Amino acid sequence: MHTTNRVSRNFVKNHGRSKYRAMLTALQKQENGQVIADMIGVSRERVRQYKDTLGDTTYNLHGQSLEVFHAHHRDHWEKGKR
């Protein structure tokens, strides 16, 4: 049995179908982990584990974050050339 399937079945067994459905809906809406944790009665860390097991997470960086990296890299490169 695949891990996702096992975790899903255990969740339903321990918390019920309605909380499972609510959690999946909240995950799709990208709700805050603490909000989900409070809703289903588990820790925020447990929600993070559910997120990792039940779906894919993506993280989009802001352009400013990348610019700081590139600026640092340029400065480092220029200092090394001298």
N, C-alpha and C. Protein backbone atom coordinates (compact mmCIF):
# COMPACT_ATOMS: atom_id res chain seq x y z
N MET A 1 0.85 -1.18 0.00
CA MET A 1 0.00 0.00 0.00
C MET A 1 0.89 1.24 0.00
N HIS A 2 0.58 2.18 -0.83
CA HIS A 2 1.34 3.43 -0.94
C HIS A 2 1.20 4.26 0.33
N THR A 3 2.23 4.99 0.69
CA THR A 3 2.24 5.79 1.93
C THR A 3 1.06 6.75 1.99
N THR A 4 0.77 7.41 0.88
CA THR A 4 -0.34 8.37 0.85
C THR A 4 -1.66 7.68 1.20
N ASN A 5 -1.87 6.51 0.64
CA ASN A 5 -3.09 5.75 0.89
C ASN A 5 -3.18 5.36 2.37
N ARG A 6 -2.07 4.88 2.92
CA ARG A 6 -2.05 4.44 4.33
C ARG A 6 -2.30 5.62 5.26
N VAL A 7 -1.64 6.74 5.00
CA VAL A 7 -1.83 7.93 5.85
C VAL A 7 -3.26 8.42 5.76
N SER A 8 -3.82 8.44 4.56
CA SER A 8 -5.21 8.88 4.38
C SER A 8 -6.18 7.99 5.15
N ARG A 9 -6.00 6.69 5.04
CA ARG A 9 -6.88 5.75 5.75
C ARG A 9 -6.75 5.91 7.27
N ASN A 10 -5.51 6.06 7.75
CA ASN A 10 -5.31 6.25 9.19
C ASN A 10 -5.93 7.56 9.67
N PHE A 11 -5.83 8.59 8.85
CA PHE A 11 -6.43 9.87 9.23
C PHE A 11 -7.94 9.71 9.39
N VAL A 12 -8.58 9.10 8.40
CA VAL A 12 -10.04 8.92 8.45
C VAL A 12 -10.42 8.06 9.66
N LYS A 13 -9.64 7.03 9.93
CA LYS A 13 -9.92 6.16 11.07
C LYS A 13 -9.82 6.93 12.40
N ASN A 14 -8.83 7.81 12.50
CA ASN A 14 -8.60 8.53 13.76
C ASN A 14 -9.40 9.83 13.91
N HIS A 15 -9.70 10.49 12.78
CA HIS A 15 -10.34 11.82 12.87
C HIS A 15 -11.68 11.93 12.15
N GLY A 16 -11.98 10.96 11.30
CA GLY A 16 -13.26 10.98 10.59
C GLY A 16 -13.17 11.57 9.20
N ARG A 17 -14.17 11.20 8.39
CA ARG A 17 -14.22 11.67 6.99
C ARG A 17 -14.43 13.17 6.87
N SER A 18 -15.26 13.74 7.73
CA SER A 18 -15.55 15.17 7.59
C SER A 18 -14.30 16.01 7.86
N LYS A 19 -13.49 15.62 8.85
CA LYS A 19 -12.26 16.37 9.12
C LYS A 19 -11.23 16.14 8.01
N TYR A 20 -11.23 14.94 7.43
CA TYR A 20 -10.33 14.67 6.31
C TYR A 20 -10.68 15.56 5.12
N ARG A 21 -11.96 15.61 4.81
CA ARG A 21 -12.43 16.47 3.71
C ARG A 21 -12.11 17.93 3.99
N ALA A 22 -12.33 18.36 5.24
CA ALA A 22 -12.04 19.75 5.61
C ALA A 22 -10.55 20.05 5.49
N MET A 23 -9.71 19.10 5.91
CA MET A 23 -8.27 19.31 5.81
C MET A 23 -7.84 19.40 4.35
N LEU A 24 -8.34 18.51 3.50
CA LEU A 24 -7.97 18.55 2.09
C LEU A 24 -8.39 19.86 1.45
N THR A 25 -9.58 20.33 1.80
CA THR A 25 -10.05 21.61 1.27
C THR A 25 -9.15 22.74 1.73
N ALA A 26 -8.79 22.73 3.02
CA ALA A 26 -7.92 23.76 3.56
C ALA A 26 -6.53 23.71 2.92
N LEU A 27 -6.02 22.51 2.68
CA LEU A 27 -4.72 22.38 2.03
C LEU A 27 -4.76 22.93 0.61
N GLN A 28 -5.84 22.65 -0.09
CA GLN A 28 -5.97 23.17 -1.45
C GLN A 28 -6.04 24.69 -1.46
N LYS A 29 -6.65 25.26 -0.44
CA LYS A 29 -6.75 26.72 -0.34
C LYS A 29 -5.49 27.34 0.24
N GLN A 30 -4.51 26.50 0.57
CA GLN A 30 -3.24 26.92 1.15
C GLN A 30 -3.43 27.69 2.45
N GLU A 31 -4.34 27.17 3.27
CA GLU A 31 -4.56 27.75 4.60
C GLU A 31 -3.30 27.61 5.44
N ASN A 32 -3.19 28.48 6.43
CA ASN A 32 -2.09 28.44 7.38
C ASN A 32 -2.10 27.12 8.14
N GLY A 33 -0.91 26.54 8.37
CA GLY A 33 -0.81 25.26 9.06
C GLY A 33 -1.42 25.27 10.44
N GLN A 34 -1.28 26.39 11.17
CA GLN A 34 -1.84 26.46 12.52
C GLN A 34 -3.36 26.47 12.48
N VAL A 35 -3.93 27.11 11.48
CA VAL A 35 -5.38 27.13 11.32
C VAL A 35 -5.90 25.71 11.08
N ILE A 36 -5.21 24.98 10.22
CA ILE A 36 -5.61 23.60 9.93
C ILE A 36 -5.45 22.75 11.18
N ALA A 37 -4.34 22.93 11.88
CA ALA A 37 -4.08 22.15 13.10
C ALA A 37 -5.18 22.36 14.12
N ASP A 38 -5.57 23.61 14.33
CA ASP A 38 -6.64 23.90 15.28
C ASP A 38 -7.96 23.29 14.83
N MET A 39 -8.20 23.30 13.54
CA MET A 39 -9.45 22.80 12.99
C MET A 39 -9.60 21.29 13.21
N ILE A 40 -8.49 20.54 13.05
CA ILE A 40 -8.60 19.09 13.16
C ILE A 40 -8.08 18.54 14.48
N GLY A 41 -7.50 19.39 15.31
CA GLY A 41 -7.07 18.96 16.64
C GLY A 41 -5.74 18.23 16.68
N VAL A 42 -4.79 18.67 15.85
CA VAL A 42 -3.45 18.09 15.85
C VAL A 42 -2.43 19.23 15.92
N SER A 43 -1.15 18.88 16.01
CA SER A 43 -0.10 19.90 16.05
C SER A 43 0.17 20.46 14.65
N ARG A 44 0.77 21.63 14.63
CA ARG A 44 1.16 22.24 13.35
C ARG A 44 2.19 21.36 12.64
N GLU A 45 3.07 20.73 13.42
CA GLU A 45 4.06 19.82 12.83
C GLU A 45 3.38 18.64 12.15
N ARG A 46 2.33 18.11 12.74
CA ARG A 46 1.59 17.00 12.13
C ARG A 46 0.97 17.46 10.81
N VAL A 47 0.46 18.68 10.78
CA VAL A 47 -0.12 19.21 9.53
C VAL A 47 0.97 19.30 8.47
N ARG A 48 2.16 19.74 8.85
CA ARG A 48 3.26 19.82 7.90
C ARG A 48 3.57 18.43 7.34
N GLN A 49 3.53 17.42 8.19
CA GLN A 49 3.77 16.05 7.74
C GLN A 49 2.67 15.59 6.79
N TYR A 50 1.42 15.93 7.12
CA TYR A 50 0.32 15.59 6.21
C TYR A 50 0.52 16.27 4.86
N LYS A 51 0.91 17.53 4.87
CA LYS A 51 1.14 18.26 3.62
C LYS A 51 2.18 17.56 2.77
N ASP A 52 3.28 17.16 3.39
CA ASP A 52 4.36 16.49 2.65
C ASP A 52 3.93 15.14 2.10
N THR A 53 3.06 14.45 2.80
CA THR A 53 2.65 13.10 2.40
C THR A 53 1.50 13.12 1.41
N LEU A 54 0.57 14.04 1.58
CA LEU A 54 -0.66 14.00 0.80
C LEU A 54 -0.62 14.80 -0.50
N GLY A 55 0.39 15.61 -0.69
CA GLY A 55 0.42 16.41 -1.91
C GLY A 55 1.79 16.97 -2.20
N ASP A 56 1.85 17.74 -3.23
CA ASP A 56 3.09 18.41 -3.62
C ASP A 56 3.03 19.85 -3.14
N THR A 57 4.13 20.31 -2.63
CA THR A 57 4.20 21.70 -2.22
C THR A 57 5.17 22.42 -3.14
N THR A 58 4.82 23.62 -3.50
CA THR A 58 5.69 24.44 -4.33
C THR A 58 5.99 25.73 -3.61
N TYR A 59 7.10 26.30 -3.93
CA TYR A 59 7.50 27.54 -3.29
C TYR A 59 8.01 28.46 -4.37
N ASN A 60 7.34 29.59 -4.55
CA ASN A 60 7.73 30.56 -5.55
C ASN A 60 8.48 31.70 -4.88
N LEU A 61 9.68 31.95 -5.32
CA LEU A 61 10.48 33.03 -4.76
C LEU A 61 10.10 34.36 -5.39
N HIS A 62 10.13 35.40 -4.59
CA HIS A 62 9.93 36.75 -5.10
C HIS A 62 11.18 37.17 -5.85
N GLY A 63 11.02 37.99 -6.85
CA GLY A 63 12.15 38.46 -7.64
C GLY A 63 13.21 39.14 -6.80
N GLN A 64 12.78 39.87 -5.75
CA GLN A 64 13.72 40.57 -4.90
C GLN A 64 14.66 39.59 -4.21
N SER A 65 14.16 38.44 -3.82
CA SER A 65 14.99 37.42 -3.16
C SER A 65 16.10 36.97 -4.09
N LEU A 66 15.75 36.72 -5.32
CA LEU A 66 16.74 36.27 -6.29
C LEU A 66 17.73 37.39 -6.61
N GLU A 67 17.25 38.62 -6.66
CA GLU A 67 18.14 39.75 -6.97
C GLU A 67 19.22 39.89 -5.92
N VAL A 68 18.88 39.69 -4.64
CA VAL A 68 19.88 39.77 -3.58
C VAL A 68 20.95 38.70 -3.80
N PHE A 69 20.54 37.50 -4.16
CA PHE A 69 21.50 36.43 -4.44
C PHE A 69 22.40 36.81 -5.60
N HIS A 70 21.81 37.28 -6.69
CA HIS A 70 22.59 37.61 -7.88
C HIS A 70 23.54 38.78 -7.61
N ALA A 71 23.07 39.76 -6.85
CA ALA A 71 23.93 40.91 -6.52
C ALA A 71 25.13 40.44 -5.69
N HIS A 72 24.89 39.59 -4.71
CA HIS A 72 25.98 39.07 -3.88
C HIS A 72 26.96 38.28 -4.75
N HIS A 73 26.42 37.47 -5.63
CA HIS A 73 27.26 36.65 -6.51
C HIS A 73 28.11 37.54 -7.41
N ARG A 74 27.50 38.60 -7.98
CA ARG A 74 28.24 39.55 -8.84
C ARG A 74 29.36 40.21 -8.06
N ASP A 75 29.05 40.69 -6.84
CA ASP A 75 30.06 41.36 -6.02
C ASP A 75 31.22 40.41 -5.70
N HIS A 76 30.88 39.19 -5.34
CA HIS A 76 31.90 38.21 -5.01
C HIS A 76 32.78 37.91 -6.22
N TRP A 77 32.16 37.78 -7.37
CA TRP A 77 32.87 37.49 -8.60
C TRP A 77 33.81 38.63 -8.97
N GLU A 78 33.33 39.86 -8.86
CA GLU A 78 34.15 41.02 -9.21
C GLU A 78 35.33 41.17 -8.26
N LYS A 79 35.14 40.94 -6.98
CA LYS A 79 36.24 41.02 -6.01
C LYS A 79 37.29 39.96 -6.30
N GLY A 80 36.88 38.80 -6.73
CA GLY A 80 37.81 37.72 -7.03
C GLY A 80 38.63 37.98 -8.28
N LYS A 81 38.12 38.79 -9.19
CA LYS A 81 38.82 39.07 -10.44
C LYS A 81 39.96 40.06 -10.25
N ARG A 82 39.90 40.85 -9.16
CA ARG A 82 40.91 41.89 -8.97
C ARG A 82 42.20 41.34 -8.48
